[in-house]
PDB file of all heavy atoms in Angstrom:
ATOM      1  N   SER A   1     118.954  67.843 103.871  1.00  0.00           N
ATOM      2  CA  SER A   1     118.734  68.761 104.990  1.00  0.00           C
ATOM      3  C   SER A   1     117.280  68.619 105.425  1.00  0.00           C
ATOM      4  O   SER A   1     116.481  67.959 104.753  1.00  0.00           O
ATOM      5  CB  SER A   1     119.046  70.198 104.564  1.00  0.00           C
ATOM      6  OG  SER A   1     118.176  70.606 103.531  1.00  0.00           O
ATOM      7  N   ALA A   2     116.938  69.248 106.540  1.00  0.00           N
ATOM      8  CA  ALA A   2     115.571  69.248 107.078  1.00  0.00           C
ATOM      9  C   ALA A   2     115.044  67.832 107.311  1.00  0.00           C
ATOM     10  O   ALA A   2     113.891  67.527 107.052  1.00  0.00           O
ATOM     11  CB  ALA A   2     114.629  70.034 106.172  1.00  0.00           C
ATOM     12  N   THR A   3     115.906  66.961 107.821  1.00  0.00           N
ATOM     13  CA  THR A   3     115.521  65.588 108.129  1.00  0.00           C
ATOM     14  C   THR A   3     114.982  65.497 109.553  1.00  0.00           C
ATOM     15  O   THR A   3     115.127  66.416 110.350  1.00  0.00           O
ATOM     16  CB  THR A   3     116.721  64.636 108.019  1.00  0.00           C
ATOM     17  OG1 THR A   3     117.689  65.018 108.979  1.00  0.00           O
ATOM     18  CG2 THR A   3     117.324  64.658 106.645  1.00  0.00           C
ATOM     19  N   VAL A   4     114.403  64.365 109.857  1.00  0.00           N
ATOM     20  CA  VAL A   4     114.031  64.026 111.221  1.00  0.00           C
ATOM     21  C   VAL A   4     114.891  62.837 111.615  1.00  0.00           C
ATOM     22  O   VAL A   4     114.990  61.873 110.857  1.00  0.00           O
ATOM     23  CB  VAL A   4     112.534  63.657 111.316  1.00  0.00           C
ATOM     24  CG1 VAL A   4     112.180  63.185 112.711  1.00  0.00           C
ATOM     25  CG2 VAL A   4     111.668  64.827 110.902  1.00  0.00           C
ATOM     26  N   GLY A   5     115.522  62.915 112.761  1.00  0.00           N
ATOM     27  CA  GLY A   5     116.379  61.825 113.197  1.00  0.00           C
ATOM     28  C   GLY A   5     116.234  61.553 114.675  1.00  0.00           C
ATOM     29  O   GLY A   5     115.865  62.441 115.450  1.00  0.00           O
ATOM     30  N   TRP A   6     116.502  60.321 115.083  1.00  0.00           N
ATOM     31  CA  TRP A   6     116.446  59.935 116.481  1.00  0.00           C
ATOM     32  C   TRP A   6     117.310  58.699 116.691  1.00  0.00           C
ATOM     33  O   TRP A   6     117.675  58.030 115.742  1.00  0.00           O
ATOM     34  CB  TRP A   6     115.000  59.672 116.919  1.00  0.00           C
ATOM     35  CG  TRP A   6     114.339  58.519 116.219  1.00  0.00           C
ATOM     36  CD1 TRP A   6     114.261  57.222 116.659  1.00  0.00           C
ATOM     37  CD2 TRP A   6     113.682  58.545 114.952  1.00  0.00           C
ATOM     38  NE1 TRP A   6     113.591  56.450 115.736  1.00  0.00           N
ATOM     39  CE2 TRP A   6     113.211  57.242 114.677  1.00  0.00           C
ATOM     40  CE3 TRP A   6     113.431  59.542 114.004  1.00  0.00           C
ATOM     41  CZ2 TRP A   6     112.532  56.906 113.511  1.00  0.00           C
ATOM     42  CZ3 TRP A   6     112.736  59.212 112.846  1.00  0.00           C
ATOM     43  CH2 TRP A   6     112.296  57.909 112.617  1.00  0.00           C
ATOM     44  N   THR A   7     117.631  58.418 117.932  1.00  0.00           N
ATOM     45  CA  THR A   7     118.339  57.191 118.262  1.00  0.00           C
ATOM     46  C   THR A   7     117.411  56.295 119.071  1.00  0.00           C
ATOM     47  O   THR A   7     116.598  56.780 119.861  1.00  0.00           O
ATOM     48  CB  THR A   7     119.621  57.452 119.068  1.00  0.00           C
ATOM     49  OG1 THR A   7     119.311  58.214 120.223  1.00  0.00           O
ATOM     50  CG2 THR A   7     120.646  58.187 118.236  1.00  0.00           C
ATOM     51  N   ASP A   8     117.533  54.995 118.857  1.00  0.00           N
ATOM     52  CA  ASP A   8     116.710  54.050 119.602  1.00  0.00           C
ATOM     53  C   ASP A   8     117.456  53.561 120.842  1.00  0.00           C
ATOM     54  O   ASP A   8     118.586  53.987 121.111  1.00  0.00           O
ATOM     55  CB  ASP A   8     116.237  52.901 118.705  1.00  0.00           C
ATOM     56  CG  ASP A   8     117.355  52.024 118.164  1.00  0.00           C
ATOM     57  OD1 ASP A   8     118.448  51.991 118.759  1.00  0.00           O
ATOM     58  OD2 ASP A   8     117.126  51.368 117.132  1.00  0.00           O
ATOM     59  N   SER A   9     116.836  52.684 121.600  1.00  0.00           N
ATOM     60  CA  SER A   9     117.401  52.225 122.872  1.00  0.00           C
ATOM     61  C   SER A   9     118.668  51.392 122.712  1.00  0.00           C
ATOM     62  O   SER A   9     119.409  51.198 123.684  1.00  0.00           O
ATOM     63  CB  SER A   9     116.357  51.422 123.648  1.00  0.00           C
ATOM     64  OG  SER A   9     115.972  50.272 122.905  1.00  0.00           O
ATOM     65  N   THR A  10     118.955  50.908 121.496  1.00  0.00           N
ATOM     66  CA  THR A  10     120.170  50.129 121.264  1.00  0.00           C
ATOM     67  C   THR A  10     121.288  50.949 120.620  1.00  0.00           C
ATOM     68  O   THR A  10     122.330  50.412 120.268  1.00  0.00           O
ATOM     69  CB  THR A  10     119.871  48.886 120.405  1.00  0.00           C
ATOM     70  OG1 THR A  10     119.358  49.294 119.137  1.00  0.00           O
ATOM     71  CG2 THR A  10     118.872  47.972 121.095  1.00  0.00           C
ATOM     72  N   GLY A  11     121.045  52.256 120.413  1.00  0.00           N
ATOM     73  CA  GLY A  11     122.074  53.136 119.878  1.00  0.00           C
ATOM     74  C   GLY A  11     122.065  53.323 118.383  1.00  0.00           C
ATOM     75  O   GLY A  11     122.938  53.998 117.837  1.00  0.00           O
ATOM     76  N   ASN A  12     121.098  52.733 117.681  1.00  0.00           N
ATOM     77  CA  ASN A  12     120.994  52.937 116.234  1.00  0.00           C
ATOM     78  C   ASN A  12     120.441  54.327 115.947  1.00  0.00           C
ATOM     79  O   ASN A  12     119.582  54.830 116.676  1.00  0.00           O
ATOM     80  CB  ASN A  12     120.059  51.897 115.611  1.00  0.00           C
ATOM     81  CG  ASN A  12     120.608  50.506 115.709  1.00  0.00           C
ATOM     82  OD1 ASN A  12     121.745  50.259 115.358  1.00  0.00           O
ATOM     83  ND2 ASN A  12     119.800  49.587 116.207  1.00  0.00           N
ATOM     84  N   LEU A  13     120.918  54.942 114.881  1.00  0.00           N
ATOM     85  CA  LEU A  13     120.415  56.231 114.426  1.00  0.00           C
ATOM     86  C   LEU A  13     119.386  55.999 113.333  1.00  0.00           C
ATOM     87  O   LEU A  13     119.633  55.242 112.392  1.00  0.00           O
ATOM     88  CB  LEU A  13     121.566  57.078 113.863  1.00  0.00           C
ATOM     89  CG  LEU A  13     121.177  58.357 113.129  1.00  0.00           C
ATOM     90  CD1 LEU A  13     120.562  59.354 114.106  1.00  0.00           C
ATOM     91  CD2 LEU A  13     122.365  58.958 112.421  1.00  0.00           C
ATOM     92  N   TRP A  14     118.238  56.630 113.467  1.00  0.00           N
ATOM     93  CA  TRP A  14     117.179  56.559 112.458  1.00  0.00           C
ATOM     94  C   TRP A  14     117.084  57.907 111.755  1.00  0.00           C
ATOM     95  O   TRP A  14     117.220  58.949 112.391  1.00  0.00           O
ATOM     96  CB  TRP A  14     115.857  56.205 113.120  1.00  0.00           C
ATOM     97  CG  TRP A  14     115.830  54.811 113.646  1.00  0.00           C
ATOM     98  CD1 TRP A  14     116.370  54.378 114.828  1.00  0.00           C
ATOM     99  CD2 TRP A  14     115.264  53.673 113.017  1.00  0.00           C
ATOM    100  NE1 TRP A  14     116.172  53.033 114.963  1.00  0.00           N
ATOM    101  CE2 TRP A  14     115.486  52.578 113.868  1.00  0.00           C
ATOM    102  CE3 TRP A  14     114.580  53.468 111.827  1.00  0.00           C
ATOM    103  CZ2 TRP A  14     115.055  51.296 113.558  1.00  0.00           C
ATOM    104  CZ3 TRP A  14     114.151  52.193 111.526  1.00  0.00           C
ATOM    105  CH2 TRP A  14     114.381  51.119 112.382  1.00  0.00           C
ATOM    106  N   LEU A  15     116.851  57.874 110.460  1.00  0.00           N
ATOM    107  CA  LEU A  15     116.796  59.082 109.635  1.00  0.00           C
ATOM    108  C   LEU A  15     115.595  58.991 108.711  1.00  0.00           C
ATOM    109  O   LEU A  15     115.408  57.983 108.021  1.00  0.00           O
ATOM    110  CB  LEU A  15     118.083  59.172 108.802  1.00  0.00           C
ATOM    111  CG  LEU A  15     118.245  60.337 107.849  1.00  0.00           C
ATOM    112  CD1 LEU A  15     118.481  61.613 108.645  1.00  0.00           C
ATOM    113  CD2 LEU A  15     119.397  60.080 106.906  1.00  0.00           C
ATOM    114  N   PHE A  16     114.768  60.043 108.724  1.00  0.00           N
ATOM    115  CA  PHE A  16     113.596  60.052 107.853  1.00  0.00           C
ATOM    116  C   PHE A  16     113.575  61.304 106.995  1.00  0.00           C
ATOM    117  O   PHE A  16     113.673  62.427 107.491  1.00  0.00           O
ATOM    118  CB  PHE A  16     112.298  59.988 108.654  1.00  0.00           C
ATOM    119  CG  PHE A  16     111.080  60.117 107.780  1.00  0.00           C
ATOM    120  CD1 PHE A  16     110.678  59.058 106.986  1.00  0.00           C
ATOM    121  CD2 PHE A  16     110.368  61.296 107.724  1.00  0.00           C
ATOM    122  CE1 PHE A  16     109.577  59.171 106.144  1.00  0.00           C
ATOM    123  CE2 PHE A  16     109.262  61.427 106.899  1.00  0.00           C
ATOM    124  CZ  PHE A  16     108.869  60.357 106.113  1.00  0.00           C
ATOM    125  N   GLY A  17     113.396  61.094 105.688  1.00  0.00           N
ATOM    126  CA  GLY A  17     113.101  62.146 104.724  1.00  0.00           C
ATOM    127  C   GLY A  17     114.057  63.310 104.684  1.00  0.00           C
ATOM    128  O   GLY A  17     115.249  63.190 104.931  1.00  0.00           O
ATOM    129  N   GLY A  18     113.486  64.461 104.330  1.00  0.00           N
ATOM    130  CA  GLY A  18     114.247  65.684 104.209  1.00  0.00           C
ATOM    131  C   GLY A  18     114.202  66.215 102.787  1.00  0.00           C
ATOM    132  O   GLY A  18     113.361  65.835 101.972  1.00  0.00           O
ATOM    133  N   ASP A  19     115.116  67.106 102.504  1.00  0.00           N
ATOM    134  CA  ASP A  19     115.241  67.715 101.186  1.00  0.00           C
ATOM    135  C   ASP A  19     116.659  67.427 100.705  1.00  0.00           C
ATOM    136  O   ASP A  19     117.626  67.817 101.348  1.00  0.00           O
ATOM    137  CB  ASP A  19     115.007  69.220 101.280  1.00  0.00           C
ATOM    138  CG  ASP A  19     115.087  69.908  99.936  1.00  0.00           C
ATOM    139  OD1 ASP A  19     114.550  69.354  98.962  1.00  0.00           O
ATOM    140  OD2 ASP A  19     115.693  70.990  99.857  1.00  0.00           O
ATOM    141  N   GLY A  20     116.785  66.706  99.605  1.00  0.00           N
ATOM    142  CA  GLY A  20     118.119  66.362  99.145  1.00  0.00           C
ATOM    143  C   GLY A  20     118.103  65.473  97.927  1.00  0.00           C
ATOM    144  O   GLY A  20     117.239  65.589  97.071  1.00  0.00           O
ATOM    145  N   TYR A  21     119.051  64.557  97.887  1.00  0.00           N
ATOM    146  CA  TYR A  21     119.289  63.729  96.713  1.00  0.00           C
ATOM    147  C   TYR A  21     119.045  62.259  97.026  1.00  0.00           C
ATOM    148  O   TYR A  21     119.545  61.730  98.013  1.00  0.00           O
ATOM    149  CB  TYR A  21     120.735  63.901  96.240  1.00  0.00           C
ATOM    150  CG  TYR A  21     121.053  65.320  95.877  1.00  0.00           C
ATOM    151  CD1 TYR A  21     121.572  66.197  96.820  1.00  0.00           C
ATOM    152  CD2 TYR A  21     120.800  65.784  94.599  1.00  0.00           C
ATOM    153  CE1 TYR A  21     121.848  67.512  96.491  1.00  0.00           C
ATOM    154  CE2 TYR A  21     121.080  67.106  94.271  1.00  0.00           C
ATOM    155  CZ  TYR A  21     121.599  67.964  95.219  1.00  0.00           C
ATOM    156  OH  TYR A  21     121.863  69.264  94.889  1.00  0.00           O
ATOM    157  N   ALA A  22     118.293  61.603  96.163  1.00  0.00           N
ATOM    158  CA  ALA A  22     118.082  60.165  96.282  1.00  0.00           C
ATOM    159  C   ALA A  22     119.131  59.480  95.405  1.00  0.00           C
ATOM    160  O   ALA A  22     120.318  59.725  95.550  1.00  0.00           O
ATOM    161  CB  ALA A  22     116.660  59.802  95.867  1.00  0.00           C
ATOM    162  N   GLU A  23     118.701  58.661  94.448  1.00  0.00           N
ATOM    163  CA  GLU A  23     119.650  57.973  93.566  1.00  0.00           C
ATOM    164  C   GLU A  23     119.943  58.749  92.285  1.00  0.00           C
ATOM    165  O   GLU A  23     120.700  58.291  91.456  1.00  0.00           O
ATOM    166  CB  GLU A  23     119.120  56.578  93.213  1.00  0.00           C
ATOM    167  CG  GLU A  23     119.165  55.622  94.367  1.00  0.00           C
ATOM    168  CD  GLU A  23     118.781  54.210  93.988  1.00  0.00           C
ATOM    169  OE1 GLU A  23     117.837  54.021  93.198  1.00  0.00           O
ATOM    170  OE2 GLU A  23     119.426  53.288  94.480  1.00  0.00           O
ATOM    171  N   SER A  24     119.351  59.920  92.139  1.00  0.00           N
ATOM    172  CA  SER A  24     119.614  60.735  90.951  1.00  0.00           C
ATOM    173  C   SER A  24     120.157  62.086  91.387  1.00  0.00           C
ATOM    174  O   SER A  24     120.144  62.420  92.564  1.00  0.00           O
ATOM    175  CB  SER A  24     118.330  60.931  90.145  1.00  0.00           C
ATOM    176  OG  SER A  24     117.464  61.813  90.820  1.00  0.00           O
ATOM    177  N   ASP A  25     120.601  62.886  90.433  1.00  0.00           N
ATOM    178  CA  ASP A  25     121.124  64.198  90.775  1.00  0.00           C
ATOM    179  C   ASP A  25     120.027  65.259  90.832  1.00  0.00           C
ATOM    180  O   ASP A  25     120.302  66.436  90.872  1.00  0.00           O
ATOM    181  CB  ASP A  25     122.240  64.618  89.814  1.00  0.00           C
ATOM    182  CG  ASP A  25     121.781  64.703  88.373  1.00  0.00           C
ATOM    183  OD1 ASP A  25     120.604  64.422  88.088  1.00  0.00           O
ATOM    184  OD2 ASP A  25     122.617  65.046  87.527  1.00  0.00           O
ATOM    185  N   TYR A  26     118.765  64.828  90.867  1.00  0.00           N
ATOM    186  CA  TYR A  26     117.640  65.744  91.005  1.00  0.00           C
ATOM    187  C   TYR A  26     117.342  65.934  92.486  1.00  0.00           C
ATOM    188  O   TYR A  26     117.062  64.978  93.207  1.00  0.00           O
ATOM    189  CB  TYR A  26     116.405  65.188  90.276  1.00  0.00           C
ATOM    190  CG  TYR A  26     115.190  66.063  90.438  1.00  0.00           C
ATOM    191  CD1 TYR A  26     115.077  67.256  89.739  1.00  0.00           C
ATOM    192  CD2 TYR A  26     114.168  65.700  91.296  1.00  0.00           C
ATOM    193  CE1 TYR A  26     113.977  68.071  89.891  1.00  0.00           C
ATOM    194  CE2 TYR A  26     113.061  66.505  91.461  1.00  0.00           C
ATOM    195  CZ  TYR A  26     112.972  67.693  90.756  1.00  0.00           C
ATOM    196  OH  TYR A  26     111.871  68.504  90.925  1.00  0.00           O
ATOM    197  N   ARG A  27     117.402  67.183  92.945  1.00  0.00           N
ATOM    198  CA  ARG A  27     117.137  67.484  94.353  1.00  0.00           C
ATOM    199  C   ARG A  27     115.647  67.668  94.567  1.00  0.00           C
ATOM    200  O   ARG A  27     114.962  68.282  93.763  1.00  0.00           O
ATOM    201  CB  ARG A  27     117.886  68.746  94.764  1.00  0.00           C
ATOM    202  CG  ARG A  27     117.718  69.053  96.220  1.00  0.00           C
ATOM    203  CD  ARG A  27     118.445  70.315  96.603  1.00  0.00           C
ATOM    204  NE  ARG A  27     118.191  70.559  98.006  1.00  0.00           N
ATOM    205  CZ  ARG A  27     119.107  70.893  98.882  1.00  0.00           C
ATOM    206  NH1 ARG A  27     120.342  71.060  98.500  1.00  0.00           N
ATOM    207  NH2 ARG A  27     118.791  71.086 100.130  1.00  0.00           N
ATOM    208  N   GLY A  28     115.140  67.145  95.689  1.00  0.00           N
ATOM    209  CA  GLY A  28     113.725  67.295  95.996  1.00  0.00           C
ATOM    210  C   GLY A  28     113.384  66.722  97.355  1.00  0.00           C
ATOM    211  O   GLY A  28     114.256  66.385  98.153  1.00  0.00           O
ATOM    212  N   LYS A  29     112.088  66.619  97.620  1.00  0.00           N
ATOM    213  CA  LYS A  29     111.584  66.080  98.881  1.00  0.00           C
ATOM    214  C   LYS A  29     111.757  64.565  98.918  1.00  0.00           C
ATOM    215  O   LYS A  29     111.471  63.876  97.945  1.00  0.00           O
ATOM    216  CB  LYS A  29     110.105  66.418  99.061  1.00  0.00           C
ATOM    217  CG  LYS A  29     109.817  67.901  99.053  1.00  0.00           C
ATOM    218  CD  LYS A  29     110.397  68.569 100.272  1.00  0.00           C
ATOM    219  CE  LYS A  29     110.038  70.042 100.272  1.00  0.00           C
ATOM    220  NZ  LYS A  29     110.829  70.826 101.186  1.00  0.00           N
ATOM    221  N   LEU A  30     112.205  64.081 100.066  1.00  0.00           N
ATOM    222  CA  LEU A  30     112.445  62.652 100.258  1.00  0.00           C
ATOM    223  C   LEU A  30     111.477  62.106 101.302  1.00  0.00           C
ATOM    224  O   LEU A  30     111.151  62.780 102.267  1.00  0.00           O
ATOM    225  CB  LEU A  30     113.883  62.424 100.722  1.00  0.00           C
ATOM    226  CG  LEU A  30     114.962  62.884  99.747  1.00  0.00           C
ATOM    227  CD1 LEU A  30     116.302  63.014 100.453  1.00  0.00           C
ATOM    228  CD2 LEU A  30     115.049  61.915  98.592  1.00  0.00           C
ATOM    229  N   GLY A  31     111.039  60.864 101.120  1.00  0.00           N
ATOM    230  CA  GLY A  31     110.155  60.201 102.065  1.00  0.00           C
ATOM    231  C   GLY A  31     110.682  58.831 102.437  1.00  0.00           C
ATOM    232  O   GLY A  31     109.915  57.887 102.582  1.00  0.00           O
ATOM    233  N   ASP A  32     111.986  58.714 102.575  1.00  0.00           N
ATOM    234  CA  ASP A  32     112.601  57.424 102.865  1.00  0.00           C
ATOM    235  C   ASP A  32     113.006  57.321 104.336  1.00  0.00           C
ATOM    236  O   ASP A  32     113.217  58.319 105.011  1.00  0.00           O
ATOM    237  CB  ASP A  32     113.811  57.196 101.962  1.00  0.00           C
ATOM    238  CG  ASP A  32     114.795  58.352 101.952  1.00  0.00           C
ATOM    239  OD1 ASP A  32     114.531  59.379 102.600  1.00  0.00           O
ATOM    240  OD2 ASP A  32     115.829  58.232 101.285  1.00  0.00           O
ATOM    241  N   LEU A  33     113.090  56.091 104.829  1.00  0.00           N
ATOM    242  CA  LEU A  33     113.478  55.820 106.209  1.00  0.00           C
ATOM    243  C   LEU A  33     114.726  54.944 106.205  1.00  0.00           C
ATOM    244  O   LEU A  33     114.770  53.925 105.511  1.00  0.00           O
ATOM    245  CB  LEU A  33     112.347  55.101 106.948  1.00  0.00           C
ATOM    246  CG  LEU A  33     112.627  54.699 108.397  1.00  0.00           C
ATOM    247  CD1 LEU A  33     112.830  55.934 109.285  1.00  0.00           C
ATOM    248  CD2 LEU A  33     111.494  53.835 108.929  1.00  0.00           C
TER     249      LEU A  33
END
């Protein structure tokens, strides 16, 4: 949740960070794109 997202001129969706789950079951702040 609390991600930042946008679409580019070719229709791709971009997603950055938020609060959630990475590769483990530990929930926290994410800084991935």
